[in-house]
Amino acid sequence: MNRTQFAPRYTGARVMPFAPPAQFGHMGHGPGTCRSCGHPSAQCNCGCRECRKESKELFVESGDAAQGAKLDTVLAASVRQSLRGFAAVNAATDAAAAPAPGTAKAFIGGGCCVHISVEYAPVTPTAASTVMIVVADTEGTLLAWAKTEQPGSHYQVKENVITTKPGATVTVLALNATARIRWCEVFSC
């Protein structure tokens, strides 16, 4: 008797390594998609080198008068005019209690679009507070988001307030507030 007659054989389909899921199998792997799983790079969950994400954050709080003087050199002239309006709101509410504005600036890198989220809280709860985010990209587009909270406000979180591309610079201004912005950069290493 031949031994191979009684040995069980596998009759299923052959498994292909790194085969894309059935829902993405017809789409092909173009730019911005993971070569391993076929998902967009920003939504890749396979952990491959090409789709790694790094979280970034920028922290700013209201500071002393020296930081307020630095504000004019950080922001563009069109944005300064808007900030004067926000500063007037703070000054009218409670000029003595509000510290000078704080600013911080960062570069946005990576290989895919970036969604910026912000969290902030007032320094002095009895005065109005303002948080402003200004993004300047490499094509000359200026995007801004601002929020003025009335006295008595509390800690806030706002997600996806600005979406931009890598290569942009982001500036955060806080008047009577502590603020932190967060984003993730998709990169290849």
C-alpha atoms as a PDB file:
ATOM      1  CA  MET A   1       0.000   0.000   0.000  1.00  0.00           C
ATOM      2  CA  ASN A   2       1.178   3.499  -0.824  1.00  0.00           C
ATOM      3  CA  ARG A   3       1.420   5.887   2.102  1.00  0.00           C
ATOM      4  CA  THR A   4       0.536   8.986   0.063  1.00  0.00           C
ATOM      5  CA  GLN A   5      -2.966   7.649  -0.608  1.00  0.00           C
ATOM      6  CA  PHE A   6      -3.971   8.097   3.028  1.00  0.00           C
ATOM      7  CA  ALA A   7      -2.247  11.414   3.808  1.00  0.00           C
ATOM      8  CA  PRO A   8      -4.732  14.337   4.083  1.00  0.00           C
ATOM      9  CA  ARG A   9      -4.183  17.059   1.520  1.00  0.00           C
ATOM     10  CA  TYR A  10      -5.034  20.756   1.792  1.00  0.00           C
ATOM     11  CA  THR A  11      -7.572  21.630  -0.921  1.00  0.00           C
ATOM     12  CA  GLY A  12      -8.221  25.301  -0.040  1.00  0.00           C
ATOM     13  CA  ALA A  13      -7.010  28.381  -1.878  1.00  0.00           C
ATOM     14  CA  ARG A  14      -3.355  29.329  -1.667  1.00  0.00           C
ATOM     15  CA  VAL A  15      -2.618  32.139   0.806  1.00  0.00           C
ATOM     16  CA  MET A  16      -0.855  35.142  -0.744  1.00  0.00           C
ATOM     17  CA  PRO A  17       1.423  37.207   1.542  1.00  0.00           C
ATOM     18  CA  PHE A  18       0.441  40.876   1.917  1.00  0.00           C
ATOM     19  CA  ALA A  19      -2.676  40.424  -0.194  1.00  0.00           C
ATOM     20  CA  PRO A  20      -4.988  43.458   0.048  1.00  0.00           C
ATOM     21  CA  PRO A  21      -8.382  42.948   1.675  1.00  0.00           C
ATOM     22  CA  ALA A  22     -11.205  42.009  -0.655  1.00  0.00           C
ATOM     23  CA  GLN A  23     -12.820  45.449  -0.390  1.00  0.00           C
ATOM     24  CA  PHE A  24      -9.617  47.152  -1.561  1.00  0.00           C
ATOM     25  CA  GLY A  25      -8.449  44.438  -3.962  1.00  0.00           C
ATOM     26  CA  HIS A  26      -9.883  46.133  -7.043  1.00  0.00           C
ATOM     27  CA  MET A  27      -8.462  49.578  -6.246  1.00  0.00           C
ATOM     28  CA  GLY A  28      -4.718  49.107  -6.811  1.00  0.00           C
ATOM     29  CA  HIS A  29      -1.982  50.737  -4.815  1.00  0.00           C
ATOM     30  CA  GLY A  30      -1.565  54.329  -5.902  1.00  0.00           C
ATOM     31  CA  PRO A  31       0.201  57.188  -4.171  1.00  0.00           C
ATOM     32  CA  GLY A  32      -0.920  57.772  -0.606  1.00  0.00           C
ATOM     33  CA  THR A  33      -1.958  54.152  -0.050  1.00  0.00           C
ATOM     34  CA  CYS A  34      -0.222  51.438   1.932  1.00  0.00           C
ATOM     35  CA  ARG A  35       1.518  48.871  -0.251  1.00  0.00           C
ATOM     36  CA  SER A  36       0.867  46.151   2.316  1.00  0.00           C
ATOM     37  CA  CYS A  37      -2.818  46.516   3.200  1.00  0.00           C
ATOM     38  CA  GLY A  38      -4.170  48.866   0.495  1.00  0.00           C
ATOM     39  CA  HIS A  39      -5.676  51.394   2.928  1.00  0.00           C
ATOM     40  CA  PRO A  40      -4.926  55.131   2.666  1.00  0.00           C
ATOM     41  CA  SER A  41      -1.623  55.811   4.495  1.00  0.00           C
ATOM     42  CA  ALA A  42      -3.342  57.882   7.185  1.00  0.00           C
ATOM     43  CA  GLN A  43      -5.670  54.944   8.005  1.00  0.00           C
ATOM     44  CA  CYS A  44      -3.118  52.123   7.791  1.00  0.00           C
ATOM     45  CA  ASN A  45      -3.162  49.774  10.770  1.00  0.00           C
ATOM     46  CA  CYS A  46      -0.629  47.159   9.666  1.00  0.00           C
ATOM     47  CA  GLY A  47       2.360  48.976  11.244  1.00  0.00           C
ATOM     48  CA  CYS A  48       4.549  48.960   8.157  1.00  0.00           C
ATOM     49  CA  ARG A  49       7.516  51.363   7.879  1.00  0.00           C
ATOM     50  CA  GLU A  50       5.951  53.423   5.092  1.00  0.00           C
ATOM     51  CA  CYS A  51       2.847  54.433   7.076  1.00  0.00           C
ATOM     52  CA  ARG A  52       4.153  55.315  10.515  1.00  0.00           C
ATOM     53  CA  LYS A  53       2.458  58.099  12.433  1.00  0.00           C
ATOM     54  CA  GLU A  54       4.032  60.432  14.939  1.00  0.00           C
ATOM     55  CA  SER A  55       1.953  62.623  17.199  1.00  0.00           C
ATOM     56  CA  LYS A  56       3.035  66.250  17.558  1.00  0.00           C
ATOM     57  CA  GLU A  57       1.913  68.995  19.897  1.00  0.00           C
ATOM     58  CA  LEU A  58       2.531  72.671  20.530  1.00  0.00           C
ATOM     59  CA  PHE A  59       1.906  74.224  23.951  1.00  0.00           C
ATOM     60  CA  VAL A  60       1.417  77.939  24.682  1.00  0.00           C
ATOM     61  CA  GLU A  61       0.251  79.937  27.683  1.00  0.00           C
ATOM     62  CA  SER A  62      -0.254  83.604  28.419  1.00  0.00           C
ATOM     63  CA  GLY A  63       3.041  85.089  29.512  1.00  0.00           C
ATOM     64  CA  ASP A  64       4.827  88.263  30.493  1.00  0.00           C
ATOM     65  CA  ALA A  65       5.137  91.564  28.622  1.00  0.00           C
ATOM     66  CA  ALA A  66       8.270  90.399  26.739  1.00  0.00           C
ATOM     67  CA  GLN A  67       6.239  87.665  25.037  1.00  0.00           C
ATOM     68  CA  GLY A  68       3.570  90.205  24.106  1.00  0.00           C
ATOM     69  CA  ALA A  69       6.187  92.390  22.411  1.00  0.00           C
ATOM     70  CA  LYS A  70       7.371  89.376  20.388  1.00  0.00           C
ATOM     71  CA  LEU A  71       3.854  88.931  18.967  1.00  0.00           C
ATOM     72  CA  ASP A  72       4.316  91.599  16.266  1.00  0.00           C
ATOM     73  CA  THR A  73       7.269  89.764  14.747  1.00  0.00           C
ATOM     74  CA  VAL A  74       5.571  86.360  14.706  1.00  0.00           C
ATOM     75  CA  LEU A  75       2.335  87.019  12.812  1.00  0.00           C
ATOM     76  CA  ALA A  76       1.590  88.603   9.425  1.00  0.00           C
ATOM     77  CA  ALA A  77       0.167  92.155   9.192  1.00  0.00           C
ATOM     78  CA  SER A  78      -3.313  90.951   8.229  1.00  0.00           C
ATOM     79  CA  VAL A  79      -3.484  88.711  11.275  1.00  0.00           C
ATOM     80  CA  ARG A  80      -2.187  91.450  13.628  1.00  0.00           C
ATOM     81  CA  GLN A  81      -5.211  93.590  12.777  1.00  0.00           C
ATOM     82  CA  SER A  82      -7.547  90.762  13.829  1.00  0.00           C
ATOM     83  CA  LEU A  83      -5.591  90.217  17.040  1.00  0.00           C
ATOM     84  CA  ARG A  84      -5.948  93.857  18.013  1.00  0.00           C
ATOM     85  CA  GLY A  85      -9.717  93.347  17.883  1.00  0.00           C
ATOM     86  CA  PHE A  86      -9.418  90.286  20.155  1.00  0.00           C
ATOM     87  CA  ALA A  87      -7.116  92.173  22.534  1.00  0.00           C
ATOM     88  CA  ALA A  88      -9.672  95.001  22.737  1.00  0.00           C
ATOM     89  CA  VAL A  89     -12.325  92.499  23.878  1.00  0.00           C
ATOM     90  CA  ASN A  90     -10.003  91.275  26.637  1.00  0.00           C
ATOM     91  CA  ALA A  91      -9.012  94.787  27.685  1.00  0.00           C
ATOM     92  CA  ALA A  92     -12.624  95.912  27.941  1.00  0.00           C
ATOM     93  CA  THR A  93     -13.537  92.900  30.090  1.00  0.00           C
ATOM     94  CA  ASP A  94     -10.726  92.916  32.633  1.00  0.00           C
ATOM     95  CA  ALA A  95      -7.480  94.678  31.714  1.00  0.00           C
ATOM     96  CA  ALA A  96      -5.751  94.188  35.050  1.00  0.00           C
ATOM     97  CA  ALA A  97      -6.315  90.445  35.458  1.00  0.00           C
ATOM     98  CA  ALA A  98      -5.331  89.223  31.974  1.00  0.00           C
ATOM     99  CA  PRO A  99      -1.655  88.354  31.399  1.00  0.00           C
ATOM    100  CA  ALA A 100       0.146  89.322  28.186  1.00  0.00           C
ATOM    101  CA  PRO A 101      -0.499  87.109  25.129  1.00  0.00           C
ATOM    102  CA  GLY A 102       1.628  84.007  24.611  1.00  0.00           C
ATOM    103  CA  THR A 103       2.689  82.674  21.201  1.00  0.00           C
ATOM    104  CA  ALA A 104       4.361  79.555  19.852  1.00  0.00           C
ATOM    105  CA  LYS A 105       5.276  78.425  16.348  1.00  0.00           C
ATOM    106  CA  ALA A 106       5.969  75.011  14.755  1.00  0.00           C
ATOM    107  CA  PHE A 107       6.679  73.383  11.390  1.00  0.00           C
ATOM    108  CA  ILE A 108       4.311  70.683  10.083  1.00  0.00           C
ATOM    109  CA  GLY A 109       5.979  67.789   8.265  1.00  0.00           C
ATOM    110  CA  GLY A 110       5.050  64.319   7.078  1.00  0.00           C
ATOM    111  CA  GLY A 111       3.729  62.932   3.824  1.00  0.00           C
ATOM    112  CA  CYS A 112      -0.041  63.317   4.112  1.00  0.00           C
ATOM    113  CA  CYS A 113      -2.653  65.882   5.110  1.00  0.00           C
ATOM    114  CA  VAL A 114      -2.747  67.009   8.748  1.00  0.00           C
ATOM    115  CA  HIS A 115      -5.776  67.682  10.972  1.00  0.00           C
ATOM    116  CA  ILE A 116      -5.132  70.103  13.843  1.00  0.00           C
ATOM    117  CA  SER A 117      -7.077  69.858  17.103  1.00  0.00           C
ATOM    118  CA  VAL A 118      -6.923  72.285  20.034  1.00  0.00           C
ATOM    119  CA  GLU A 119      -7.583  72.157  23.771  1.00  0.00           C
ATOM    120  CA  TYR A 120      -7.577  75.245  25.969  1.00  0.00           C
ATOM    121  CA  ALA A 121      -8.559  76.636  29.365  1.00  0.00           C
ATOM    122  CA  PRO A 122      -8.657  80.201  30.776  1.00  0.00           C
ATOM    123  CA  VAL A 123      -5.863  81.406  33.067  1.00  0.00           C
ATOM    124  CA  THR A 124      -8.124  83.877  34.877  1.00  0.00           C
ATOM    125  CA  PRO A 125     -11.737  82.615  34.916  1.00  0.00           C
ATOM    126  CA  THR A 126     -13.163  86.103  35.561  1.00  0.00           C
ATOM    127  CA  ALA A 127     -11.798  87.516  32.262  1.00  0.00           C
ATOM    128  CA  ALA A 128     -12.491  86.693  28.627  1.00  0.00           C
ATOM    129  CA  SER A 129      -9.936  84.443  26.919  1.00  0.00           C
ATOM    130  CA  THR A 130      -8.973  84.032  23.268  1.00  0.00           C
ATOM    131  CA  VAL A 131      -7.163  81.292  21.391  1.00  0.00           C
ATOM    132  CA  MET A 132      -6.102  81.771  17.763  1.00  0.00           C
ATOM    133  CA  ILE A 133      -4.398  79.331  15.368  1.00  0.00           C
ATOM    134  CA  VAL A 134      -2.865  80.612  12.126  1.00  0.00           C
ATOM    135  CA  VAL A 135      -1.485  78.231   9.475  1.00  0.00           C
ATOM    136  CA  ALA A 136       0.552  79.420   6.484  1.00  0.00           C
ATOM    137  CA  ASP A 137       1.207  76.751   3.840  1.00  0.00           C
ATOM    138  CA  THR A 138       3.825  76.657   1.083  1.00  0.00           C
ATOM    139  CA  GLU A 139       1.351  77.843  -1.564  1.00  0.00           C
ATOM    140  CA  GLY A 140       0.759  81.131   0.256  1.00  0.00           C
ATOM    141  CA  THR A 141      -2.612  80.180   1.749  1.00  0.00           C
ATOM    142  CA  LEU A 142      -3.322  81.554   5.212  1.00  0.00           C
ATOM    143  CA  LEU A 143      -5.849  79.650   7.351  1.00  0.00           C
ATOM    144  CA  ALA A 144      -6.999  80.881  10.750  1.00  0.00           C
ATOM    145  CA  TRP A 145      -9.248  79.648  13.551  1.00  0.00           C
ATOM    146  CA  ALA A 146     -10.081  81.696  16.629  1.00  0.00           C
ATOM    147  CA  LYS A 147     -12.361  81.376  19.621  1.00  0.00           C
ATOM    148  CA  THR A 148     -13.135  83.978  22.289  1.00  0.00           C
ATOM    149  CA  GLU A 149     -14.642  82.596  25.489  1.00  0.00           C
ATOM    150  CA  GLN A 150     -16.616  84.753  27.896  1.00  0.00           C
ATOM    151  CA  PRO A 151     -15.736  85.038  31.603  1.00  0.00           C
ATOM    152  CA  GLY A 152     -16.660  81.907  33.528  1.00  0.00           C
ATOM    153  CA  SER A 153     -15.763  79.500  30.728  1.00  0.00           C
ATOM    154  CA  HIS A 154     -13.930  76.247  31.333  1.00  0.00           C
ATOM    155  CA  TYR A 155     -11.655  73.696  29.632  1.00  0.00           C
ATOM    156  CA  GLN A 156     -12.607  73.068  25.975  1.00  0.00           C
ATOM    157  CA  VAL A 157     -11.539  70.587  23.255  1.00  0.00           C
ATOM    158  CA  LYS A 158     -12.143  71.289  19.554  1.00  0.00           C
ATOM    159  CA  GLU A 159     -11.164  68.622  17.017  1.00  0.00           C
ATOM    160  CA  ASN A 160     -10.158  69.128  13.384  1.00  0.00           C
ATOM    161  CA  VAL A 161     -10.280  72.919  13.491  1.00  0.00           C
ATOM    162  CA  ILE A 162      -7.832  73.273  10.559  1.00  0.00           C
ATOM    163  CA  THR A 163      -6.681  70.819   7.873  1.00  0.00           C
ATOM    164  CA  THR A 164      -3.440  71.544   6.041  1.00  0.00           C
ATOM    165  CA  LYS A 165      -0.601  69.927   4.108  1.00  0.00           C
ATOM    166  CA  PRO A 166       2.986  69.144   5.120  1.00  0.00           C
ATOM    167  CA  GLY A 167       5.391  72.054   4.824  1.00  0.00           C
ATOM    168  CA  ALA A 168       3.078  74.520   6.564  1.00  0.00           C
ATOM    169  CA  THR A 169       3.944  76.543   9.642  1.00  0.00           C
ATOM    170  CA  VAL A 170       1.478  76.919  12.498  1.00  0.00           C
ATOM    171  CA  THR A 171       1.371  79.772  15.017  1.00  0.00           C
ATOM    172  CA  VAL A 172      -0.737  79.700  18.180  1.00  0.00           C
ATOM    173  CA  LEU A 173      -1.752  82.758  20.187  1.00  0.00           C
ATOM    174  CA  ALA A 174      -3.272  82.597  23.666  1.00  0.00           C
ATOM    175  CA  LEU A 175      -4.743  85.636  25.449  1.00  0.00           C
ATOM    176  CA  ASN A 176      -5.584  84.828  29.084  1.00  0.00           C
ATOM    177  CA  ALA A 177      -5.464  81.133  28.183  1.00  0.00           C
ATOM    178  CA  THR A 178      -3.366  78.004  28.217  1.00  0.00           C
ATOM    179  CA  ALA A 179      -3.647  76.145  24.905  1.00  0.00           C
ATOM    180  CA  ARG A 180      -2.224  73.043  23.261  1.00  0.00           C
ATOM    181  CA  ILE A 181      -2.659  72.008  19.653  1.00  0.00           C
ATOM    182  CA  ARG A 182      -2.138  68.442  18.443  1.00  0.00           C
ATOM    183  CA  TRP A 183      -1.727  66.738  15.085  1.00  0.00           C
ATOM    184  CA  CYS A 184      -0.275  63.515  13.622  1.00  0.00           C
ATOM    185  CA  GLU A 185       2.321  63.353  10.866  1.00  0.00           C
ATOM    186  CA  VAL A 186       2.405  60.310   8.567  1.00  0.00           C
ATOM    187  CA  PHE A 187       5.996  59.645   7.508  1.00  0.00           C
ATOM    188  CA  SER A 188       8.307  57.058   6.013  1.00  0.00           C
ATOM    189  CA  CYS A 189      11.612  56.166   7.624  1.00  0.00           C
END
